[in-house]
PDBML (XML) file of the C-alpha atoms, coordinates in Angstrom:
<?xml version="1.0" encoding="UTF-8" ?>
<PDBx:datablock datablockName="MODEL"
   xmlns:PDBx="http://pdbml.pdb.org/schema/pdbx-v50.xsd"
   xmlns:xsi="http://www.w3.org/2001/XMLSchema-instance"
   xsi:schemaLocation="http://pdbml.pdb.org/schema/pdbx-v50.xsd pdbx-v50.xsd">
   <PDBx:atom_siteCategory>
      <PDBx:atom_site id="1">
         <PDBx:B_iso_or_equiv>0.00</PDBx:B_iso_or_equiv>
         <PDBx:Cartn_x>-223.623</PDBx:Cartn_x>
         <PDBx:Cartn_y>7.071</PDBx:Cartn_y>
         <PDBx:Cartn_z>-98.838</PDBx:Cartn_z>
         <PDBx:auth_asym_id>A</PDBx:auth_asym_id>
         <PDBx:auth_atom_id>CA</PDBx:auth_atom_id>
         <PDBx:auth_comp_id>UNK</PDBx:auth_comp_id>
         <PDBx:auth_seq_id>1</PDBx:auth_seq_id>
         <PDBx:group_PDB>ATOM</PDBx:group_PDB>
         <PDBx:label_alt_id xsi:nil="true" />
         <PDBx:label_asym_id>A</PDBx:label_asym_id>
         <PDBx:label_atom_id>CA</PDBx:label_atom_id>
         <PDBx:label_comp_id>UNK</PDBx:label_comp_id>
         <PDBx:label_entity_id>1</PDBx:label_entity_id>
         <PDBx:label_seq_id>1</PDBx:label_seq_id>
         <PDBx:occupancy>1.00</PDBx:occupancy>
         <PDBx:pdbx_PDB_model_num>1</PDBx:pdbx_PDB_model_num>
         <PDBx:type_symbol>C</PDBx:type_symbol>
      </PDBx:atom_site>
      <PDBx:atom_site id="2">
         <PDBx:B_iso_or_equiv>0.00</PDBx:B_iso_or_equiv>
         <PDBx:Cartn_x>-220.758</PDBx:Cartn_x>
         <PDBx:Cartn_y>8.486</PDBx:Cartn_y>
         <PDBx:Cartn_z>-100.918</PDBx:Cartn_z>
         <PDBx:auth_asym_id>A</PDBx:auth_asym_id>
         <PDBx:auth_atom_id>CA</PDBx:auth_atom_id>
         <PDBx:auth_comp_id>UNK</PDBx:auth_comp_id>
         <PDBx:auth_seq_id>2</PDBx:auth_seq_id>
         <PDBx:group_PDB>ATOM</PDBx:group_PDB>
         <PDBx:label_alt_id xsi:nil="true" />
         <PDBx:label_asym_id>A</PDBx:label_asym_id>
         <PDBx:label_atom_id>CA</PDBx:label_atom_id>
         <PDBx:label_comp_id>UNK</PDBx:label_comp_id>
         <PDBx:label_entity_id>1</PDBx:label_entity_id>
         <PDBx:label_seq_id>2</PDBx:label_seq_id>
         <PDBx:occupancy>1.00</PDBx:occupancy>
         <PDBx:pdbx_PDB_model_num>1</PDBx:pdbx_PDB_model_num>
         <PDBx:type_symbol>C</PDBx:type_symbol>
      </PDBx:atom_site>
      <PDBx:atom_site id="3">
         <PDBx:B_iso_or_equiv>0.00</PDBx:B_iso_or_equiv>
         <PDBx:Cartn_x>-217.378</PDBx:Cartn_x>
         <PDBx:Cartn_y>7.484</PDBx:Cartn_y>
         <PDBx:Cartn_z>-102.339</PDBx:Cartn_z>
         <PDBx:auth_asym_id>A</PDBx:auth_asym_id>
         <PDBx:auth_atom_id>CA</PDBx:auth_atom_id>
         <PDBx:auth_comp_id>UNK</PDBx:auth_comp_id>
         <PDBx:auth_seq_id>3</PDBx:auth_seq_id>
         <PDBx:group_PDB>ATOM</PDBx:group_PDB>
         <PDBx:label_alt_id xsi:nil="true" />
         <PDBx:label_asym_id>A</PDBx:label_asym_id>
         <PDBx:label_atom_id>CA</PDBx:label_atom_id>
         <PDBx:label_comp_id>UNK</PDBx:label_comp_id>
         <PDBx:label_entity_id>1</PDBx:label_entity_id>
         <PDBx:label_seq_id>3</PDBx:label_seq_id>
         <PDBx:occupancy>1.00</PDBx:occupancy>
         <PDBx:pdbx_PDB_model_num>1</PDBx:pdbx_PDB_model_num>
         <PDBx:type_symbol>C</PDBx:type_symbol>
      </PDBx:atom_site>
      <PDBx:atom_site id="4">
         <PDBx:B_iso_or_equiv>0.00</PDBx:B_iso_or_equiv>
         <PDBx:Cartn_x>-215.596</PDBx:Cartn_x>
         <PDBx:Cartn_y>10.445</PDBx:Cartn_y>
         <PDBx:Cartn_z>-100.741</PDBx:Cartn_z>
         <PDBx:auth_asym_id>A</PDBx:auth_asym_id>
         <PDBx:auth_atom_id>CA</PDBx:auth_atom_id>
         <PDBx:auth_comp_id>UNK</PDBx:auth_comp_id>
         <PDBx:auth_seq_id>4</PDBx:auth_seq_id>
         <PDBx:group_PDB>ATOM</PDBx:group_PDB>
         <PDBx:label_alt_id xsi:nil="true" />
         <PDBx:label_asym_id>A</PDBx:label_asym_id>
         <PDBx:label_atom_id>CA</PDBx:label_atom_id>
         <PDBx:label_comp_id>UNK</PDBx:label_comp_id>
         <PDBx:label_entity_id>1</PDBx:label_entity_id>
         <PDBx:label_seq_id>4</PDBx:label_seq_id>
         <PDBx:occupancy>1.00</PDBx:occupancy>
         <PDBx:pdbx_PDB_model_num>1</PDBx:pdbx_PDB_model_num>
         <PDBx:type_symbol>C</PDBx:type_symbol>
      </PDBx:atom_site>
      <PDBx:atom_site id="5">
         <PDBx:B_iso_or_equiv>0.00</PDBx:B_iso_or_equiv>
         <PDBx:Cartn_x>-212.821</PDBx:Cartn_x>
         <PDBx:Cartn_y>10.474</PDBx:Cartn_y>
         <PDBx:Cartn_z>-98.166</PDBx:Cartn_z>
         <PDBx:auth_asym_id>A</PDBx:auth_asym_id>
         <PDBx:auth_atom_id>CA</PDBx:auth_atom_id>
         <PDBx:auth_comp_id>UNK</PDBx:auth_comp_id>
         <PDBx:auth_seq_id>5</PDBx:auth_seq_id>
         <PDBx:group_PDB>ATOM</PDBx:group_PDB>
         <PDBx:label_alt_id xsi:nil="true" />
         <PDBx:label_asym_id>A</PDBx:label_asym_id>
         <PDBx:label_atom_id>CA</PDBx:label_atom_id>
         <PDBx:label_comp_id>UNK</PDBx:label_comp_id>
         <PDBx:label_entity_id>1</PDBx:label_entity_id>
         <PDBx:label_seq_id>5</PDBx:label_seq_id>
         <PDBx:occupancy>1.00</PDBx:occupancy>
         <PDBx:pdbx_PDB_model_num>1</PDBx:pdbx_PDB_model_num>
         <PDBx:type_symbol>C</PDBx:type_symbol>
      </PDBx:atom_site>
      <PDBx:atom_site id="6">
         <PDBx:B_iso_or_equiv>0.00</PDBx:B_iso_or_equiv>
         <PDBx:Cartn_x>-212.613</PDBx:Cartn_x>
         <PDBx:Cartn_y>13.735</PDBx:Cartn_y>
         <PDBx:Cartn_z>-96.202</PDBx:Cartn_z>
         <PDBx:auth_asym_id>A</PDBx:auth_asym_id>
         <PDBx:auth_atom_id>CA</PDBx:auth_atom_id>
         <PDBx:auth_comp_id>UNK</PDBx:auth_comp_id>
         <PDBx:auth_seq_id>6</PDBx:auth_seq_id>
         <PDBx:group_PDB>ATOM</PDBx:group_PDB>
         <PDBx:label_alt_id xsi:nil="true" />
         <PDBx:label_asym_id>A</PDBx:label_asym_id>
         <PDBx:label_atom_id>CA</PDBx:label_atom_id>
         <PDBx:label_comp_id>UNK</PDBx:label_comp_id>
         <PDBx:label_entity_id>1</PDBx:label_entity_id>
         <PDBx:label_seq_id>6</PDBx:label_seq_id>
         <PDBx:occupancy>1.00</PDBx:occupancy>
         <PDBx:pdbx_PDB_model_num>1</PDBx:pdbx_PDB_model_num>
         <PDBx:type_symbol>C</PDBx:type_symbol>
      </PDBx:atom_site>
      <PDBx:atom_site id="7">
         <PDBx:B_iso_or_equiv>0.00</PDBx:B_iso_or_equiv>
         <PDBx:Cartn_x>-209.202</PDBx:Cartn_x>
         <PDBx:Cartn_y>14.548</PDBx:Cartn_y>
         <PDBx:Cartn_z>-94.728</PDBx:Cartn_z>
         <PDBx:auth_asym_id>A</PDBx:auth_asym_id>
         <PDBx:auth_atom_id>CA</PDBx:auth_atom_id>
         <PDBx:auth_comp_id>UNK</PDBx:auth_comp_id>
         <PDBx:auth_seq_id>7</PDBx:auth_seq_id>
         <PDBx:group_PDB>ATOM</PDBx:group_PDB>
         <PDBx:label_alt_id xsi:nil="true" />
         <PDBx:label_asym_id>A</PDBx:label_asym_id>
         <PDBx:label_atom_id>CA</PDBx:label_atom_id>
         <PDBx:label_comp_id>UNK</PDBx:label_comp_id>
         <PDBx:label_entity_id>1</PDBx:label_entity_id>
         <PDBx:label_seq_id>7</PDBx:label_seq_id>
         <PDBx:occupancy>1.00</PDBx:occupancy>
         <PDBx:pdbx_PDB_model_num>1</PDBx:pdbx_PDB_model_num>
         <PDBx:type_symbol>C</PDBx:type_symbol>
      </PDBx:atom_site>
      <PDBx:atom_site id="8">
         <PDBx:B_iso_or_equiv>0.00</PDBx:B_iso_or_equiv>
         <PDBx:Cartn_x>-208.048</PDBx:Cartn_x>
         <PDBx:Cartn_y>17.142</PDBx:Cartn_y>
         <PDBx:Cartn_z>-92.199</PDBx:Cartn_z>
         <PDBx:auth_asym_id>A</PDBx:auth_asym_id>
         <PDBx:auth_atom_id>CA</PDBx:auth_atom_id>
         <PDBx:auth_comp_id>UNK</PDBx:auth_comp_id>
         <PDBx:auth_seq_id>8</PDBx:auth_seq_id>
         <PDBx:group_PDB>ATOM</PDBx:group_PDB>
         <PDBx:label_alt_id xsi:nil="true" />
         <PDBx:label_asym_id>A</PDBx:label_asym_id>
         <PDBx:label_atom_id>CA</PDBx:label_atom_id>
         <PDBx:label_comp_id>UNK</PDBx:label_comp_id>
         <PDBx:label_entity_id>1</PDBx:label_entity_id>
         <PDBx:label_seq_id>8</PDBx:label_seq_id>
         <PDBx:occupancy>1.00</PDBx:occupancy>
         <PDBx:pdbx_PDB_model_num>1</PDBx:pdbx_PDB_model_num>
         <PDBx:type_symbol>C</PDBx:type_symbol>
      </PDBx:atom_site>
      <PDBx:atom_site id="9">
         <PDBx:B_iso_or_equiv>0.00</PDBx:B_iso_or_equiv>
         <PDBx:Cartn_x>-204.736</PDBx:Cartn_x>
         <PDBx:Cartn_y>17.595</PDBx:Cartn_y>
         <PDBx:Cartn_z>-90.404</PDBx:Cartn_z>
         <PDBx:auth_asym_id>A</PDBx:auth_asym_id>
         <PDBx:auth_atom_id>CA</PDBx:auth_atom_id>
         <PDBx:auth_comp_id>UNK</PDBx:auth_comp_id>
         <PDBx:auth_seq_id>9</PDBx:auth_seq_id>
         <PDBx:group_PDB>ATOM</PDBx:group_PDB>
         <PDBx:label_alt_id xsi:nil="true" />
         <PDBx:label_asym_id>A</PDBx:label_asym_id>
         <PDBx:label_atom_id>CA</PDBx:label_atom_id>
         <PDBx:label_comp_id>UNK</PDBx:label_comp_id>
         <PDBx:label_entity_id>1</PDBx:label_entity_id>
         <PDBx:label_seq_id>9</PDBx:label_seq_id>
         <PDBx:occupancy>1.00</PDBx:occupancy>
         <PDBx:pdbx_PDB_model_num>1</PDBx:pdbx_PDB_model_num>
         <PDBx:type_symbol>C</PDBx:type_symbol>
      </PDBx:atom_site>
      <PDBx:atom_site id="10">
         <PDBx:B_iso_or_equiv>0.00</PDBx:B_iso_or_equiv>
         <PDBx:Cartn_x>-203.320</PDBx:Cartn_x>
         <PDBx:Cartn_y>19.436</PDBx:Cartn_y>
         <PDBx:Cartn_z>-87.418</PDBx:Cartn_z>
         <PDBx:auth_asym_id>A</PDBx:auth_asym_id>
         <PDBx:auth_atom_id>CA</PDBx:auth_atom_id>
         <PDBx:auth_comp_id>UNK</PDBx:auth_comp_id>
         <PDBx:auth_seq_id>10</PDBx:auth_seq_id>
         <PDBx:group_PDB>ATOM</PDBx:group_PDB>
         <PDBx:label_alt_id xsi:nil="true" />
         <PDBx:label_asym_id>A</PDBx:label_asym_id>
         <PDBx:label_atom_id>CA</PDBx:label_atom_id>
         <PDBx:label_comp_id>UNK</PDBx:label_comp_id>
         <PDBx:label_entity_id>1</PDBx:label_entity_id>
         <PDBx:label_seq_id>10</PDBx:label_seq_id>
         <PDBx:occupancy>1.00</PDBx:occupancy>
         <PDBx:pdbx_PDB_model_num>1</PDBx:pdbx_PDB_model_num>
         <PDBx:type_symbol>C</PDBx:type_symbol>
      </PDBx:atom_site>
      <PDBx:atom_site id="11">
         <PDBx:B_iso_or_equiv>0.00</PDBx:B_iso_or_equiv>
         <PDBx:Cartn_x>-200.162</PDBx:Cartn_x>
         <PDBx:Cartn_y>19.814</PDBx:Cartn_y>
         <PDBx:Cartn_z>-85.362</PDBx:Cartn_z>
         <PDBx:auth_asym_id>A</PDBx:auth_asym_id>
         <PDBx:auth_atom_id>CA</PDBx:auth_atom_id>
         <PDBx:auth_comp_id>UNK</PDBx:auth_comp_id>
         <PDBx:auth_seq_id>11</PDBx:auth_seq_id>
         <PDBx:group_PDB>ATOM</PDBx:group_PDB>
         <PDBx:label_alt_id xsi:nil="true" />
         <PDBx:label_asym_id>A</PDBx:label_asym_id>
         <PDBx:label_atom_id>CA</PDBx:label_atom_id>
         <PDBx:label_comp_id>UNK</PDBx:label_comp_id>
         <PDBx:label_entity_id>1</PDBx:label_entity_id>
         <PDBx:label_seq_id>11</PDBx:label_seq_id>
         <PDBx:occupancy>1.00</PDBx:occupancy>
         <PDBx:pdbx_PDB_model_num>1</PDBx:pdbx_PDB_model_num>
         <PDBx:type_symbol>C</PDBx:type_symbol>
      </PDBx:atom_site>
      <PDBx:atom_site id="12">
         <PDBx:B_iso_or_equiv>0.00</PDBx:B_iso_or_equiv>
         <PDBx:Cartn_x>-200.081</PDBx:Cartn_x>
         <PDBx:Cartn_y>19.626</PDBx:Cartn_y>
         <PDBx:Cartn_z>-81.578</PDBx:Cartn_z>
         <PDBx:auth_asym_id>A</PDBx:auth_asym_id>
         <PDBx:auth_atom_id>CA</PDBx:auth_atom_id>
         <PDBx:auth_comp_id>UNK</PDBx:auth_comp_id>
         <PDBx:auth_seq_id>12</PDBx:auth_seq_id>
         <PDBx:group_PDB>ATOM</PDBx:group_PDB>
         <PDBx:label_alt_id xsi:nil="true" />
         <PDBx:label_asym_id>A</PDBx:label_asym_id>
         <PDBx:label_atom_id>CA</PDBx:label_atom_id>
         <PDBx:label_comp_id>UNK</PDBx:label_comp_id>
         <PDBx:label_entity_id>1</PDBx:label_entity_id>
         <PDBx:label_seq_id>12</PDBx:label_seq_id>
         <PDBx:occupancy>1.00</PDBx:occupancy>
         <PDBx:pdbx_PDB_model_num>1</PDBx:pdbx_PDB_model_num>
         <PDBx:type_symbol>C</PDBx:type_symbol>
      </PDBx:atom_site>
      <PDBx:atom_site id="13">
         <PDBx:B_iso_or_equiv>0.00</PDBx:B_iso_or_equiv>
         <PDBx:Cartn_x>-196.935</PDBx:Cartn_x>
         <PDBx:Cartn_y>21.597</PDBx:Cartn_y>
         <PDBx:Cartn_z>-80.723</PDBx:Cartn_z>
         <PDBx:auth_asym_id>A</PDBx:auth_asym_id>
         <PDBx:auth_atom_id>CA</PDBx:auth_atom_id>
         <PDBx:auth_comp_id>UNK</PDBx:auth_comp_id>
         <PDBx:auth_seq_id>13</PDBx:auth_seq_id>
         <PDBx:group_PDB>ATOM</PDBx:group_PDB>
         <PDBx:label_alt_id xsi:nil="true" />
         <PDBx:label_asym_id>A</PDBx:label_asym_id>
         <PDBx:label_atom_id>CA</PDBx:label_atom_id>
         <PDBx:label_comp_id>UNK</PDBx:label_comp_id>
         <PDBx:label_entity_id>1</PDBx:label_entity_id>
         <PDBx:label_seq_id>13</PDBx:label_seq_id>
         <PDBx:occupancy>1.00</PDBx:occupancy>
         <PDBx:pdbx_PDB_model_num>1</PDBx:pdbx_PDB_model_num>
         <PDBx:type_symbol>C</PDBx:type_symbol>
      </PDBx:atom_site>
      <PDBx:atom_site id="14">
         <PDBx:B_iso_or_equiv>0.00</PDBx:B_iso_or_equiv>
         <PDBx:Cartn_x>-197.178</PDBx:Cartn_x>
         <PDBx:Cartn_y>20.759</PDBx:Cartn_y>
         <PDBx:Cartn_z>-77.020</PDBx:Cartn_z>
         <PDBx:auth_asym_id>A</PDBx:auth_asym_id>
         <PDBx:auth_atom_id>CA</PDBx:auth_atom_id>
         <PDBx:auth_comp_id>UNK</PDBx:auth_comp_id>
         <PDBx:auth_seq_id>14</PDBx:auth_seq_id>
         <PDBx:group_PDB>ATOM</PDBx:group_PDB>
         <PDBx:label_alt_id xsi:nil="true" />
         <PDBx:label_asym_id>A</PDBx:label_asym_id>
         <PDBx:label_atom_id>CA</PDBx:label_atom_id>
         <PDBx:label_comp_id>UNK</PDBx:label_comp_id>
         <PDBx:label_entity_id>1</PDBx:label_entity_id>
         <PDBx:label_seq_id>14</PDBx:label_seq_id>
         <PDBx:occupancy>1.00</PDBx:occupancy>
         <PDBx:pdbx_PDB_model_num>1</PDBx:pdbx_PDB_model_num>
         <PDBx:type_symbol>C</PDBx:type_symbol>
      </PDBx:atom_site>
      <PDBx:atom_site id="15">
         <PDBx:B_iso_or_equiv>0.00</PDBx:B_iso_or_equiv>
         <PDBx:Cartn_x>-196.969</PDBx:Cartn_x>
         <PDBx:Cartn_y>17.023</PDBx:Cartn_y>
         <PDBx:Cartn_z>-77.681</PDBx:Cartn_z>
         <PDBx:auth_asym_id>A</PDBx:auth_asym_id>
         <PDBx:auth_atom_id>CA</PDBx:auth_atom_id>
         <PDBx:auth_comp_id>UNK</PDBx:auth_comp_id>
         <PDBx:auth_seq_id>15</PDBx:auth_seq_id>
         <PDBx:group_PDB>ATOM</PDBx:group_PDB>
         <PDBx:label_alt_id xsi:nil="true" />
         <PDBx:label_asym_id>A</PDBx:label_asym_id>
         <PDBx:label_atom_id>CA</PDBx:label_atom_id>
         <PDBx:label_comp_id>UNK</PDBx:label_comp_id>
         <PDBx:label_entity_id>1</PDBx:label_entity_id>
         <PDBx:label_seq_id>15</PDBx:label_seq_id>
         <PDBx:occupancy>1.00</PDBx:occupancy>
         <PDBx:pdbx_PDB_model_num>1</PDBx:pdbx_PDB_model_num>
         <PDBx:type_symbol>C</PDBx:type_symbol>
      </PDBx:atom_site>
      <PDBx:atom_site id="16">
         <PDBx:B_iso_or_equiv>0.00</PDBx:B_iso_or_equiv>
         <PDBx:Cartn_x>-194.942</PDBx:Cartn_x>
         <PDBx:Cartn_y>17.262</PDBx:Cartn_y>
         <PDBx:Cartn_z>-80.871</PDBx:Cartn_z>
         <PDBx:auth_asym_id>A</PDBx:auth_asym_id>
         <PDBx:auth_atom_id>CA</PDBx:auth_atom_id>
         <PDBx:auth_comp_id>UNK</PDBx:auth_comp_id>
         <PDBx:auth_seq_id>16</PDBx:auth_seq_id>
         <PDBx:group_PDB>ATOM</PDBx:group_PDB>
         <PDBx:label_alt_id xsi:nil="true" />
         <PDBx:label_asym_id>A</PDBx:label_asym_id>
         <PDBx:label_atom_id>CA</PDBx:label_atom_id>
         <PDBx:label_comp_id>UNK</PDBx:label_comp_id>
         <PDBx:label_entity_id>1</PDBx:label_entity_id>
         <PDBx:label_seq_id>16</PDBx:label_seq_id>
         <PDBx:occupancy>1.00</PDBx:occupancy>
         <PDBx:pdbx_PDB_model_num>1</PDBx:pdbx_PDB_model_num>
         <PDBx:type_symbol>C</PDBx:type_symbol>
      </PDBx:atom_site>
      <PDBx:atom_site id="17">
         <PDBx:B_iso_or_equiv>0.00</PDBx:B_iso_or_equiv>
         <PDBx:Cartn_x>-197.594</PDBx:Cartn_x>
         <PDBx:Cartn_y>15.230</PDBx:Cartn_y>
         <PDBx:Cartn_z>-82.711</PDBx:Cartn_z>
         <PDBx:auth_asym_id>A</PDBx:auth_asym_id>
         <PDBx:auth_atom_id>CA</PDBx:auth_atom_id>
         <PDBx:auth_comp_id>UNK</PDBx:auth_comp_id>
         <PDBx:auth_seq_id>17</PDBx:auth_seq_id>
         <PDBx:group_PDB>ATOM</PDBx:group_PDB>
         <PDBx:label_alt_id xsi:nil="true" />
         <PDBx:label_asym_id>A</PDBx:label_asym_id>
         <PDBx:label_atom_id>CA</PDBx:label_atom_id>
         <PDBx:label_comp_id>UNK</PDBx:label_comp_id>
         <PDBx:label_entity_id>1</PDBx:label_entity_id>
         <PDBx:label_seq_id>17</PDBx:label_seq_id>
         <PDBx:occupancy>1.00</PDBx:occupancy>
         <PDBx:pdbx_PDB_model_num>1</PDBx:pdbx_PDB_model_num>
         <PDBx:type_symbol>C</PDBx:type_symbol>
      </PDBx:atom_site>
      <PDBx:atom_site id="18">
         <PDBx:B_iso_or_equiv>0.00</PDBx:B_iso_or_equiv>
         <PDBx:Cartn_x>-198.958</PDBx:Cartn_x>
         <PDBx:Cartn_y>15.445</PDBx:Cartn_y>
         <PDBx:Cartn_z>-86.219</PDBx:Cartn_z>
         <PDBx:auth_asym_id>A</PDBx:auth_asym_id>
         <PDBx:auth_atom_id>CA</PDBx:auth_atom_id>
         <PDBx:auth_comp_id>UNK</PDBx:auth_comp_id>
         <PDBx:auth_seq_id>18</PDBx:auth_seq_id>
         <PDBx:group_PDB>ATOM</PDBx:group_PDB>
         <PDBx:label_alt_id xsi:nil="true" />
         <PDBx:label_asym_id>A</PDBx:label_asym_id>
         <PDBx:label_atom_id>CA</PDBx:label_atom_id>
         <PDBx:label_comp_id>UNK</PDBx:label_comp_id>
         <PDBx:label_entity_id>1</PDBx:label_entity_id>
         <PDBx:label_seq_id>18</PDBx:label_seq_id>
         <PDBx:occupancy>1.00</PDBx:occupancy>
         <PDBx:pdbx_PDB_model_num>1</PDBx:pdbx_PDB_model_num>
         <PDBx:type_symbol>C</PDBx:type_symbol>
      </PDBx:atom_site>
      <PDBx:atom_site id="19">
         <PDBx:B_iso_or_equiv>0.00</PDBx:B_iso_or_equiv>
         <PDBx:Cartn_x>-202.656</PDBx:Cartn_x>
         <PDBx:Cartn_y>14.539</PDBx:Cartn_y>
         <PDBx:Cartn_z>-86.201</PDBx:Cartn_z>
         <PDBx:auth_asym_id>A</PDBx:auth_asym_id>
         <PDBx:auth_atom_id>CA</PDBx:auth_atom_id>
         <PDBx:auth_comp_id>UNK</PDBx:auth_comp_id>
         <PDBx:auth_seq_id>19</PDBx:auth_seq_id>
         <PDBx:group_PDB>ATOM</PDBx:group_PDB>
         <PDBx:label_alt_id xsi:nil="true" />
         <PDBx:label_asym_id>A</PDBx:label_asym_id>
         <PDBx:label_atom_id>CA</PDBx:label_atom_id>
         <PDBx:label_comp_id>UNK</PDBx:label_comp_id>
         <PDBx:label_entity_id>1</PDBx:label_entity_id>
         <PDBx:label_seq_id>19</PDBx:label_seq_id>
         <PDBx:occupancy>1.00</PDBx:occupancy>
         <PDBx:pdbx_PDB_model_num>1</PDBx:pdbx_PDB_model_num>
         <PDBx:type_symbol>C</PDBx:type_symbol>
      </PDBx:atom_site>
      <PDBx:atom_site id="20">
         <PDBx:B_iso_or_equiv>0.00</PDBx:B_iso_or_equiv>
         <PDBx:Cartn_x>-204.264</PDBx:Cartn_x>
         <PDBx:Cartn_y>13.188</PDBx:Cartn_y>
         <PDBx:Cartn_z>-89.393</PDBx:Cartn_z>
         <PDBx:auth_asym_id>A</PDBx:auth_asym_id>
         <PDBx:auth_atom_id>CA</PDBx:auth_atom_id>
         <PDBx:auth_comp_id>UNK</PDBx:auth_comp_id>
         <PDBx:auth_seq_id>20</PDBx:auth_seq_id>
         <PDBx:group_PDB>ATOM</PDBx:group_PDB>
         <PDBx:label_alt_id xsi:nil="true" />
         <PDBx:label_asym_id>A</PDBx:label_asym_id>
         <PDBx:label_atom_id>CA</PDBx:label_atom_id>
         <PDBx:label_comp_id>UNK</PDBx:label_comp_id>
         <PDBx:label_entity_id>1</PDBx:label_entity_id>
         <PDBx:label_seq_id>20</PDBx:label_seq_id>
         <PDBx:occupancy>1.00</PDBx:occupancy>
         <PDBx:pdbx_PDB_model_num>1</PDBx:pdbx_PDB_model_num>
         <PDBx:type_symbol>C</PDBx:type_symbol>
      </PDBx:atom_site>
      <PDBx:atom_site id="21">
         <PDBx:B_iso_or_equiv>0.00</PDBx:B_iso_or_equiv>
         <PDBx:Cartn_x>-208.054</PDBx:Cartn_x>
         <PDBx:Cartn_y>12.887</PDBx:Cartn_y>
         <PDBx:Cartn_z>-89.489</PDBx:Cartn_z>
         <PDBx:auth_asym_id>A</PDBx:auth_asym_id>
         <PDBx:auth_atom_id>CA</PDBx:auth_atom_id>
         <PDBx:auth_comp_id>UNK</PDBx:auth_comp_id>
         <PDBx:auth_seq_id>21</PDBx:auth_seq_id>
         <PDBx:group_PDB>ATOM</PDBx:group_PDB>
         <PDBx:label_alt_id xsi:nil="true" />
         <PDBx:label_asym_id>A</PDBx:label_asym_id>
         <PDBx:label_atom_id>CA</PDBx:label_atom_id>
         <PDBx:label_comp_id>UNK</PDBx:label_comp_id>
         <PDBx:label_entity_id>1</PDBx:label_entity_id>
         <PDBx:label_seq_id>21</PDBx:label_seq_id>
         <PDBx:occupancy>1.00</PDBx:occupancy>
         <PDBx:pdbx_PDB_model_num>1</PDBx:pdbx_PDB_model_num>
         <PDBx:type_symbol>C</PDBx:type_symbol>
      </PDBx:atom_site>
      <PDBx:atom_site id="22">
         <PDBx:B_iso_or_equiv>0.00</PDBx:B_iso_or_equiv>
         <PDBx:Cartn_x>-210.169</PDBx:Cartn_x>
         <PDBx:Cartn_y>11.123</PDBx:Cartn_y>
         <PDBx:Cartn_z>-92.104</PDBx:Cartn_z>
         <PDBx:auth_asym_id>A</PDBx:auth_asym_id>
         <PDBx:auth_atom_id>CA</PDBx:auth_atom_id>
         <PDBx:auth_comp_id>UNK</PDBx:auth_comp_id>
         <PDBx:auth_seq_id>22</PDBx:auth_seq_id>
         <PDBx:group_PDB>ATOM</PDBx:group_PDB>
         <PDBx:label_alt_id xsi:nil="true" />
         <PDBx:label_asym_id>A</PDBx:label_asym_id>
         <PDBx:label_atom_id>CA</PDBx:label_atom_id>
         <PDBx:label_comp_id>UNK</PDBx:label_comp_id>
         <PDBx:label_entity_id>1</PDBx:label_entity_id>
         <PDBx:label_seq_id>22</PDBx:label_seq_id>
         <PDBx:occupancy>1.00</PDBx:occupancy>
         <PDBx:pdbx_PDB_model_num>1</PDBx:pdbx_PDB_model_num>
         <PDBx:type_symbol>C</PDBx:type_symbol>
      </PDBx:atom_site>
      <PDBx:atom_site id="23">
         <PDBx:B_iso_or_equiv>0.00</PDBx:B_iso_or_equiv>
         <PDBx:Cartn_x>-213.734</PDBx:Cartn_x>
         <PDBx:Cartn_y>9.909</PDBx:Cartn_y>
         <PDBx:Cartn_z>-92.620</PDBx:Cartn_z>
         <PDBx:auth_asym_id>A</PDBx:auth_asym_id>
         <PDBx:auth_atom_id>CA</PDBx:auth_atom_id>
         <PDBx:auth_comp_id>UNK</PDBx:auth_comp_id>
         <PDBx:auth_seq_id>23</PDBx:auth_seq_id>
         <PDBx:group_PDB>ATOM</PDBx:group_PDB>
         <PDBx:label_alt_id xsi:nil="true" />
         <PDBx:label_asym_id>A</PDBx:label_asym_id>
         <PDBx:label_atom_id>CA</PDBx:label_atom_id>
         <PDBx:label_comp_id>UNK</PDBx:label_comp_id>
         <PDBx:label_entity_id>1</PDBx:label_entity_id>
         <PDBx:label_seq_id>23</PDBx:label_seq_id>
         <PDBx:occupancy>1.00</PDBx:occupancy>
         <PDBx:pdbx_PDB_model_num>1</PDBx:pdbx_PDB_model_num>
         <PDBx:type_symbol>C</PDBx:type_symbol>
      </PDBx:atom_site>
      <PDBx:atom_site id="24">
         <PDBx:B_iso_or_equiv>0.00</PDBx:B_iso_or_equiv>
         <PDBx:Cartn_x>-215.342</PDBx:Cartn_x>
         <PDBx:Cartn_y>7.637</PDBx:Cartn_y>
         <PDBx:Cartn_z>-95.196</PDBx:Cartn_z>
         <PDBx:auth_asym_id>A</PDBx:auth_asym_id>
         <PDBx:auth_atom_id>CA</PDBx:auth_atom_id>
         <PDBx:auth_comp_id>UNK</PDBx:auth_comp_id>
         <PDBx:auth_seq_id>24</PDBx:auth_seq_id>
         <PDBx:group_PDB>ATOM</PDBx:group_PDB>
         <PDBx:label_alt_id xsi:nil="true" />
         <PDBx:label_asym_id>A</PDBx:label_asym_id>
         <PDBx:label_atom_id>CA</PDBx:label_atom_id>
         <PDBx:label_comp_id>UNK</PDBx:label_comp_id>
         <PDBx:label_entity_id>1</PDBx:label_entity_id>
         <PDBx:label_seq_id>24</PDBx:label_seq_id>
         <PDBx:occupancy>1.00</PDBx:occupancy>
         <PDBx:pdbx_PDB_model_num>1</PDBx:pdbx_PDB_model_num>
         <PDBx:type_symbol>C</PDBx:type_symbol>
      </PDBx:atom_site>
      <PDBx:atom_site id="25">
         <PDBx:B_iso_or_equiv>0.00</PDBx:B_iso_or_equiv>
         <PDBx:Cartn_x>-218.271</PDBx:Cartn_x>
         <PDBx:Cartn_y>5.277</PDBx:Cartn_y>
         <PDBx:Cartn_z>-95.666</PDBx:Cartn_z>
         <PDBx:auth_asym_id>A</PDBx:auth_asym_id>
         <PDBx:auth_atom_id>CA</PDBx:auth_atom_id>
         <PDBx:auth_comp_id>UNK</PDBx:auth_comp_id>
         <PDBx:auth_seq_id>25</PDBx:auth_seq_id>
         <PDBx:group_PDB>ATOM</PDBx:group_PDB>
         <PDBx:label_alt_id xsi:nil="true" />
         <PDBx:label_asym_id>A</PDBx:label_asym_id>
         <PDBx:label_atom_id>CA</PDBx:label_atom_id>
         <PDBx:label_comp_id>UNK</PDBx:label_comp_id>
         <PDBx:label_entity_id>1</PDBx:label_entity_id>
         <PDBx:label_seq_id>25</PDBx:label_seq_id>
         <PDBx:occupancy>1.00</PDBx:occupancy>
         <PDBx:pdbx_PDB_model_num>1</PDBx:pdbx_PDB_model_num>
         <PDBx:type_symbol>C</PDBx:type_symbol>
      </PDBx:atom_site>
   </PDBx:atom_siteCategory>
</PDBx:datablock>
């Protein structure tokens, strides 16, 4: 119901992976 994008991020050191997370309508 909004025009927002929410963004989070994390780093998994064990797998060597950057994880980007986002939500929107």
